[in-house]
PDB file of N, CA and C in Angstrom:
ATOM      1  N   MET A   1      12.606   5.969   8.036  1.00  0.00           N
ATOM      2  CA  MET A   1      11.477   6.309   8.888  1.00  0.00           C
ATOM      3  C   MET A   1      10.306   6.747   8.007  1.00  0.00           C
ATOM      4  N   SER A   2       9.177   6.091   8.167  1.00  0.00           N
ATOM      5  CA  SER A   2       8.005   6.478   7.385  1.00  0.00           C
ATOM      6  C   SER A   2       7.391   7.744   7.978  1.00  0.00           C
ATOM      7  N   TRP A   3       6.587   8.439   7.171  1.00  0.00           N
ATOM      8  CA  TRP A   3       6.018   9.696   7.652  1.00  0.00           C
ATOM      9  C   TRP A   3       5.055   9.463   8.810  1.00  0.00           C
ATOM     10  N   GLN A   4       4.416   8.297   8.888  1.00  0.00           N
ATOM     11  CA  GLN A   4       3.509   8.012   9.985  1.00  0.00           C
ATOM     12  C   GLN A   4       4.230   7.906  11.329  1.00  0.00           C
ATOM     13  N   GLU A   5       5.504   7.566  11.290  1.00  0.00           N
ATOM     14  CA  GLU A   5       6.269   7.405  12.519  1.00  0.00           C
ATOM     15  C   GLU A   5       6.593   8.733  13.194  1.00  0.00           C
ATOM     16  N   HIS A   6       6.392   9.833  12.506  1.00  0.00           N
ATOM     17  CA  HIS A   6       6.656  11.139  13.107  1.00  0.00           C
ATOM     18  C   HIS A   6       5.748  11.400  14.297  1.00  0.00           C
ATOM     19  N   VAL A   7       4.582  10.784  14.325  1.00  0.00           N
ATOM     20  CA  VAL A   7       3.650  11.020  15.432  1.00  0.00           C
ATOM     21  C   VAL A   7       4.198  10.515  16.757  1.00  0.00           C
ATOM     22  N   ASN A   8       5.171   9.626  16.730  1.00  0.00           N
ATOM     23  CA  ASN A   8       5.784   9.121  17.963  1.00  0.00           C
ATOM     24  C   ASN A   8       6.882  10.038  18.490  1.00  0.00           C
ATOM     25  N   ASN A   9       7.256  11.027  17.713  1.00  0.00           N
ATOM     26  CA  ASN A   9       8.277  11.981  18.135  1.00  0.00           C
ATOM     27  C   ASN A   9       7.697  12.880  19.216  1.00  0.00           C
ATOM     28  N   PRO A  10       8.448  13.156  20.283  1.00  0.00           N
ATOM     29  CA  PRO A  10       7.927  14.009  21.351  1.00  0.00           C
ATOM     30  C   PRO A  10       7.597  15.436  20.890  1.00  0.00           C
ATOM     31  N   LEU A  11       8.118  15.857  19.752  1.00  0.00           N
ATOM     32  CA  LEU A  11       7.828  17.195  19.247  1.00  0.00           C
ATOM     33  C   LEU A  11       6.571  17.233  18.369  1.00  0.00           C
ATOM     34  N   TRP A  12       5.987  16.079  18.083  1.00  0.00           N
ATOM     35  CA  TRP A  12       4.805  16.021  17.225  1.00  0.00           C
ATOM     36  C   TRP A  12       3.678  16.927  17.730  1.00  0.00           C
ATOM     37  N   PRO A  13       3.292  16.886  19.004  1.00  0.00           N
ATOM     38  CA  PRO A  13       2.200  17.759  19.463  1.00  0.00           C
ATOM     39  C   PRO A  13       2.492  19.247  19.253  1.00  0.00           C
ATOM     40  N   ILE A  14       3.747  19.630  19.342  1.00  0.00           N
ATOM     41  CA  ILE A  14       4.117  21.032  19.120  1.00  0.00           C
ATOM     42  C   ILE A  14       3.949  21.381  17.648  1.00  0.00           C
ATOM     43  N   LEU A  15       4.344  20.479  16.754  1.00  0.00           N
ATOM     44  CA  LEU A  15       4.161  20.709  15.321  1.00  0.00           C
ATOM     45  C   LEU A  15       2.678  20.839  14.993  1.00  0.00           C
ATOM     46  N   VAL A  16       1.857  19.949  15.523  1.00  0.00           N
ATOM     47  CA  VAL A  16       0.416  19.992  15.254  1.00  0.00           C
ATOM     48  C   VAL A  16      -0.178  21.303  15.750  1.00  0.00           C
ATOM     49  N   GLU A  17       0.186  21.705  16.951  1.00  0.00           N
ATOM     50  CA  GLU A  17      -0.323  22.970  17.503  1.00  0.00           C
ATOM     51  C   GLU A  17       0.098  24.150  16.638  1.00  0.00           C
ATOM     52  N   THR A  18       1.330  24.148  16.187  1.00  0.00           N
ATOM     53  CA  THR A  18       1.829  25.226  15.339  1.00  0.00           C
ATOM     54  C   THR A  18       1.090  25.277  14.014  1.00  0.00           C
ATOM     55  N   VAL A  19       0.909  24.123  13.401  1.00  0.00           N
ATOM     56  CA  VAL A  19       0.207  24.059  12.117  1.00  0.00           C
ATOM     57  C   VAL A  19      -1.240  24.525  12.271  1.00  0.00           C
ATOM     58  N   HIS A  20      -1.882  24.139  13.357  1.00  0.00           N
ATOM     59  CA  HIS A  20      -3.280  24.528  13.576  1.00  0.00           C
ATOM     60  C   HIS A  20      -3.458  26.029  13.743  1.00  0.00           C
ATOM     61  N   THR A  21      -2.413  26.748  14.101  1.00  0.00           N
ATOM     62  CA  THR A  21      -2.527  28.206  14.251  1.00  0.00           C
ATOM     63  C   THR A  21      -2.342  28.952  12.931  1.00  0.00           C
ATOM     64  N   MET A  22      -1.956  28.252  11.884  1.00  0.00           N
ATOM     65  CA  MET A  22      -1.709  28.898  10.592  1.00  0.00           C
ATOM     66  C   MET A  22      -3.044  29.259   9.932  1.00  0.00           C
ATOM     67  N   ALA A  23      -3.137  30.475   9.458  1.00  0.00           N
ATOM     68  CA  ALA A  23      -4.393  30.985   8.895  1.00  0.00           C
ATOM     69  C   ALA A  23      -4.876  30.182   7.692  1.00  0.00           C
ATOM     70  N   MET A  24      -3.977  29.718   6.870  1.00  0.00           N
ATOM     71  CA  MET A  24      -4.367  29.006   5.654  1.00  0.00           C
ATOM     72  C   MET A  24      -4.517  27.494   5.845  1.00  0.00           C
ATOM     73  N   TYR A  25      -4.205  27.006   7.035  1.00  0.00           N
ATOM     74  CA  TYR A  25      -4.260  25.561   7.279  1.00  0.00           C
ATOM     75  C   TYR A  25      -5.607  24.930   6.908  1.00  0.00           C
ATOM     76  N   PRO A  26      -6.746  25.476   7.339  1.00  0.00           N
ATOM     77  CA  PRO A  26      -8.024  24.831   6.971  1.00  0.00           C
ATOM     78  C   PRO A  26      -8.236  24.759   5.455  1.00  0.00           C
ATOM     79  N   HIS A  27      -7.789  25.784   4.750  1.00  0.00           N
ATOM     80  CA  HIS A  27      -7.933  25.807   3.298  1.00  0.00           C
ATOM     81  C   HIS A  27      -7.000  24.796   2.634  1.00  0.00           C
ATOM     82  N   HIS A  28      -5.777  24.707   3.129  1.00  0.00           N
ATOM     83  CA  HIS A  28      -4.833  23.732   2.592  1.00  0.00           C
ATOM     84  C   HIS A  28      -5.334  22.309   2.840  1.00  0.00           C
ATOM     85  N   LYS A  29      -5.881  22.071   4.029  1.00  0.00           N
ATOM     86  CA  LYS A  29      -6.386  20.737   4.363  1.00  0.00           C
ATOM     87  C   LYS A  29      -7.568  20.382   3.465  1.00  0.00           C
ATOM     88  N   ALA A  30      -8.469  21.330   3.248  1.00  0.00           N
ATOM     89  CA  ALA A  30      -9.628  21.085   2.386  1.00  0.00           C
ATOM     90  C   ALA A  30      -9.191  20.815   0.950  1.00  0.00           C
ATOM     91  N   TYR A  31      -8.228  21.569   0.455  1.00  0.00           N
ATOM     92  CA  TYR A  31      -7.733  21.361  -0.905  1.00  0.00           C
ATOM     93  C   TYR A  31      -7.068  19.991  -1.016  1.00  0.00           C
ATOM     94  N   ALA A  32      -6.273  19.646  -0.018  1.00  0.00           N
ATOM     95  CA  ALA A  32      -5.614  18.333  -0.045  1.00  0.00           C
ATOM     96  C   ALA A  32      -6.654  17.223  -0.066  1.00  0.00           C
ATOM     97  N   ARG A  33      -7.682  17.355   0.760  1.00  0.00           N
ATOM     98  CA  ARG A  33      -8.737  16.336   0.834  1.00  0.00           C
ATOM     99  C   ARG A  33      -9.546  16.262  -0.463  1.00  0.00           C
ATOM    100  N   ASP A  34      -9.960  17.411  -0.969  1.00  0.00           N
ATOM    101  CA  ASP A  34     -10.901  17.448  -2.090  1.00  0.00           C
ATOM    102  C   ASP A  34     -10.248  17.333  -3.463  1.00  0.00           C
ATOM    103  N   VAL A  35      -9.008  17.773  -3.583  1.00  0.00           N
ATOM    104  CA  VAL A  35      -8.372  17.802  -4.905  1.00  0.00           C
ATOM    105  C   VAL A  35      -7.137  16.901  -4.956  1.00  0.00           C
ATOM    106  N   ALA A  36      -6.149  17.211  -4.155  1.00  0.00           N
ATOM    107  CA  ALA A  36      -4.863  16.511  -4.266  1.00  0.00           C
ATOM    108  C   ALA A  36      -4.991  15.007  -4.039  1.00  0.00           C
ATOM    109  N   LEU A  37      -5.721  14.598  -3.008  1.00  0.00           N
ATOM    110  CA  LEU A  37      -5.844  13.165  -2.726  1.00  0.00           C
ATOM    111  C   LEU A  37      -6.755  12.446  -3.720  1.00  0.00           C
ATOM    112  N   SER A  38      -7.696  13.162  -4.298  1.00  0.00           N
ATOM    113  CA  SER A  38      -8.533  12.508  -5.311  1.00  0.00           C
ATOM    114  C   SER A  38      -7.743  12.297  -6.603  1.00  0.00           C
ATOM    115  N   GLU A  39      -6.809  13.195  -6.889  1.00  0.00           N
ATOM    116  CA  GLU A  39      -5.952  13.045  -8.066  1.00  0.00           C
ATOM    117  C   GLU A  39      -4.840  12.033  -7.834  1.00  0.00           C
ATOM    118  N   GLN A  40      -4.323  12.014  -6.613  1.00  0.00           N
ATOM    119  CA  GLN A  40      -3.174  11.174  -6.282  1.00  0.00           C
ATOM    120  C   GLN A  40      -3.350  10.643  -4.858  1.00  0.00           C
ATOM    121  N   PRO A  41      -4.104   9.554  -4.683  1.00  0.00           N
ATOM    122  CA  PRO A  41      -4.442   9.054  -3.348  1.00  0.00           C
ATOM    123  C   PRO A  41      -3.242   8.680  -2.478  1.00  0.00           C
ATOM    124  N   ASP A  42      -2.132   8.324  -3.084  1.00  0.00           N
ATOM    125  CA  ASP A  42      -0.952   7.920  -2.312  1.00  0.00           C
ATOM    126  C   ASP A  42       0.135   8.997  -2.327  1.00  0.00           C
ATOM    127  N   ILE A  43      -0.266  10.255  -2.383  1.00  0.00           N
ATOM    128  CA  ILE A  43       0.695  11.362  -2.454  1.00  0.00           C
ATOM    129  C   ILE A  43       1.597  11.365  -1.226  1.00  0.00           C
ATOM    130  N   LYS A  44       2.852  11.630  -1.454  1.00  0.00           N
ATOM    131  CA  LYS A  44       3.833  11.704  -0.370  1.00  0.00           C
ATOM    132  C   LYS A  44       3.815  13.113   0.230  1.00  0.00           C
ATOM    133  N   PRO A  45       4.172  13.234   1.504  1.00  0.00           N
ATOM    134  CA  PRO A  45       4.183  14.555   2.143  1.00  0.00           C
ATOM    135  C   PRO A  45       5.055  15.573   1.402  1.00  0.00           C
ATOM    136  N   THR A  46       6.195  15.135   0.877  1.00  0.00           N
ATOM    137  CA  THR A  46       7.066  16.065   0.154  1.00  0.00           C
ATOM    138  C   THR A  46       6.395  16.563  -1.118  1.00  0.00           C
ATOM    139  N   ASP A  47       5.664  15.665  -1.785  1.00  0.00           N
ATOM    140  CA  ASP A  47       4.963  16.055  -3.004  1.00  0.00           C
ATOM    141  C   ASP A  47       3.796  16.988  -2.702  1.00  0.00           C
ATOM    142  N   LEU A  48       3.069  16.721  -1.625  1.00  0.00           N
ATOM    143  CA  LEU A  48       1.964  17.594  -1.229  1.00  0.00           C
ATOM    144  C   LEU A  48       2.499  18.977  -0.865  1.00  0.00           C
ATOM    145  N   ALA A  49       3.608  19.009  -0.138  1.00  0.00           N
ATOM    146  CA  ALA A  49       4.209  20.286   0.237  1.00  0.00           C
ATOM    147  C   ALA A  49       4.590  21.095  -0.998  1.00  0.00           C
ATOM    148  N   ALA A  50       5.168  20.433  -1.972  1.00  0.00           N
ATOM    149  CA  ALA A  50       5.564  21.128  -3.206  1.00  0.00           C
ATOM    150  C   ALA A  50       4.346  21.585  -4.000  1.00  0.00           C
ATOM    151  N   LYS A  51       3.348  20.740  -4.075  1.00  0.00           N
ATOM    152  CA  LYS A  51       2.148  21.049  -4.860  1.00  0.00           C
ATOM    153  C   LYS A  51       1.394  22.251  -4.287  1.00  0.00           C
ATOM    154  N   LEU A  52       1.313  22.340  -2.951  1.00  0.00           N
ATOM    155  CA  LEU A  52       0.562  23.406  -2.303  1.00  0.00           C
ATOM    156  C   LEU A  52       1.437  24.597  -1.908  1.00  0.00           C
ATOM    157  N   GLY A  53       2.749  24.442  -2.004  1.00  0.00           N
ATOM    158  CA  GLY A  53       3.651  25.508  -1.581  1.00  0.00           C
ATOM    159  C   GLY A  53       3.618  25.714  -0.079  1.00  0.00           C
ATOM    160  N   ILE A  54       3.570  24.592   0.654  1.00  0.00           N
ATOM    161  CA  ILE A  54       3.510  24.648   2.114  1.00  0.00           C
ATOM    162  C   ILE A  54       4.728  23.941   2.693  1.00  0.00           C
ATOM    163  N   SER A  55       4.887  24.034   3.999  1.00  0.00           N
ATOM    164  CA  SER A  55       6.017  23.369   4.644  1.00  0.00           C
ATOM    165  C   SER A  55       5.764  21.863   4.717  1.00  0.00           C
ATOM    166  N   LEU A  56       6.847  21.120   4.839  1.00  0.00           N
ATOM    167  CA  LEU A  56       6.745  19.680   5.007  1.00  0.00           C
ATOM    168  C   LEU A  56       5.985  19.350   6.289  1.00  0.00           C
ATOM    169  N   GLY A  57       6.211  20.121   7.333  1.00  0.00           N
ATOM    170  CA  GLY A  57       5.511  19.901   8.602  1.00  0.00           C
ATOM    171  C   GLY A  57       4.006  20.023   8.443  1.00  0.00           C
ATOM    172  N   GLU A  58       3.550  21.049   7.726  1.00  0.00           N
ATOM    173  CA  GLU A  58       2.114  21.216   7.498  1.00  0.00           C
ATOM    174  C   GLU A  58       1.573  20.055   6.668  1.00  0.00           C
ATOM    175  N   ALA A  59       2.305  19.632   5.666  1.00  0.00           N
ATOM    176  CA  ALA A  59       1.873  18.507   4.833  1.00  0.00           C
ATOM    177  C   ALA A  59       1.766  17.227   5.660  1.00  0.00           C
ATOM    178  N   LEU A  60       2.716  17.002   6.550  1.00  0.00           N
ATOM    179  CA  LEU A  60       2.673  15.826   7.423  1.00  0.00           C
ATOM    180  C   LEU A  60       1.422  15.828   8.294  1.00  0.00           C
ATOM    181  N   VAL A  61       1.131  16.965   8.891  1.00  0.00           N
ATOM    182  CA  VAL A  61      -0.038  17.069   9.767  1.00  0.00           C
ATOM    183  C   VAL A  61      -1.321  16.865   8.968  1.00  0.00           C
ATOM    184  N   ILE A  62      -1.412  17.485   7.808  1.00  0.00           N
ATOM    185  CA  ILE A  62      -2.605  17.342   6.974  1.00  0.00           C
ATOM    186  C   ILE A  62      -2.825  15.881   6.595  1.00  0.00           C
ATOM    187  N   LEU A  63      -1.801  15.224   6.089  1.00  0.00           N
ATOM    188  CA  LEU A  63      -1.955  13.835   5.661  1.00  0.00           C
ATOM    189  C   LEU A  63      -2.259  12.924   6.847  1.00  0.00           C
ATOM    190  N   TYR A  64      -1.634  13.177   7.972  1.00  0.00           N
ATOM    191  CA  TYR A  64      -1.913  12.385   9.174  1.00  0.00           C
ATOM    192  C   TYR A  64      -3.374  12.530   9.581  1.00  0.00           C
ATOM    193  N   GLU A  65      -3.855  13.763   9.643  1.00  0.00           N
ATOM    194  CA  GLU A  65      -5.226  13.998  10.092  1.00  0.00           C
ATOM    195  C   GLU A  65      -6.245  13.451   9.097  1.00  0.00           C
ATOM    196  N   LEU A  66      -5.977  13.564   7.805  1.00  0.00           N
ATOM    197  CA  LEU A  66      -6.904  13.024   6.815  1.00  0.00           C
ATOM    198  C   LEU A  66      -6.919  11.499   6.860  1.00  0.00           C
ATOM    199  N   GLU A  67      -5.770  10.881   7.066  1.00  0.00           N
ATOM    200  CA  GLU A  67      -5.698   9.425   7.187  1.00  0.00           C
ATOM    201  C   GLU A  67      -6.429   8.966   8.446  1.00  0.00           C
ATOM    202  N   LYS A  68      -6.238   9.684   9.532  1.00  0.00           N
ATOM    203  CA  LYS A  68      -6.900   9.359  10.796  1.00  0.00           C
ATOM    204  C   LYS A  68      -8.418   9.457  10.646  1.00  0.00           C
ATOM    205  N   THR A  69      -8.896  10.513  10.001  1.00  0.00           N
ATOM    206  CA  THR A  69     -10.331  10.694   9.773  1.00  0.00           C
ATOM    207  C   THR A  69     -10.879   9.571   8.905  1.00  0.00           C
ATOM    208  N   LYS A  70     -10.125   9.198   7.871  1.00  0.00           N
ATOM    209  CA  LYS A  70     -10.546   8.131   6.965  1.00  0.00           C
ATOM    210  C   LYS A  70     -10.659   6.810   7.716  1.00  0.00           C
ATOM    211  N   ASN A  71      -9.692   6.527   8.574  1.00  0.00           N
ATOM    212  CA  ASN A  71      -9.678   5.262   9.328  1.00  0.00           C
ATOM    213  C   ASN A  71     -10.759   5.229  10.413  1.00  0.00           C
ATOM    214  N   GLU A  72     -11.112   6.376  10.967  1.00  0.00           N
ATOM    215  CA  GLU A  72     -12.153   6.425  11.988  1.00  0.00           C
ATOM    216  C   GLU A  72     -13.523   6.136  11.382  1.00  0.00           C
ATOM    217  N   GLY A  73     -13.680   6.416  10.101  1.00  0.00           N
ATOM    218  CA  GLY A  73     -14.949   6.199   9.420  1.00  0.00           C
ATOM    219  C   GLY A  73     -15.162   4.748   8.994  1.00  0.00           C
ATOM    220  N   LYS A  74     -14.124   3.924   9.108  1.00  0.00           N
ATOM    221  CA  LYS A  74     -14.235   2.520   8.700  1.00  0.00           C
ATOM    222  C   LYS A  74     -14.870   1.712   9.824  1.00  0.00           C
ATOM    223  N   PRO A  75     -15.676   0.698   9.464  1.00  0.00           N
ATOM    224  CA  PRO A  75     -16.303  -0.155  10.486  1.00  0.00           C
ATOM    225  C   PRO A  75     -15.311  -1.057  11.173  1.00  0.00           C
TER     226      PRO A  75
END
């Protein structure tokens, strides 16, 4: 199962809501966008989680949202 397929899980909205309530989430997302992805554009969620010291769930949500934002900006 690829990490993108997690969004089809019925528990996905609960994970996203939980991650969004975390105080450091905006900072982790900004760091992932500005630093981690520029250094390693194809970083895996497990690697991002280890690099930032965050949960796999938070890493999944961050990568999903950054990918979604990137794709929305394409013509």
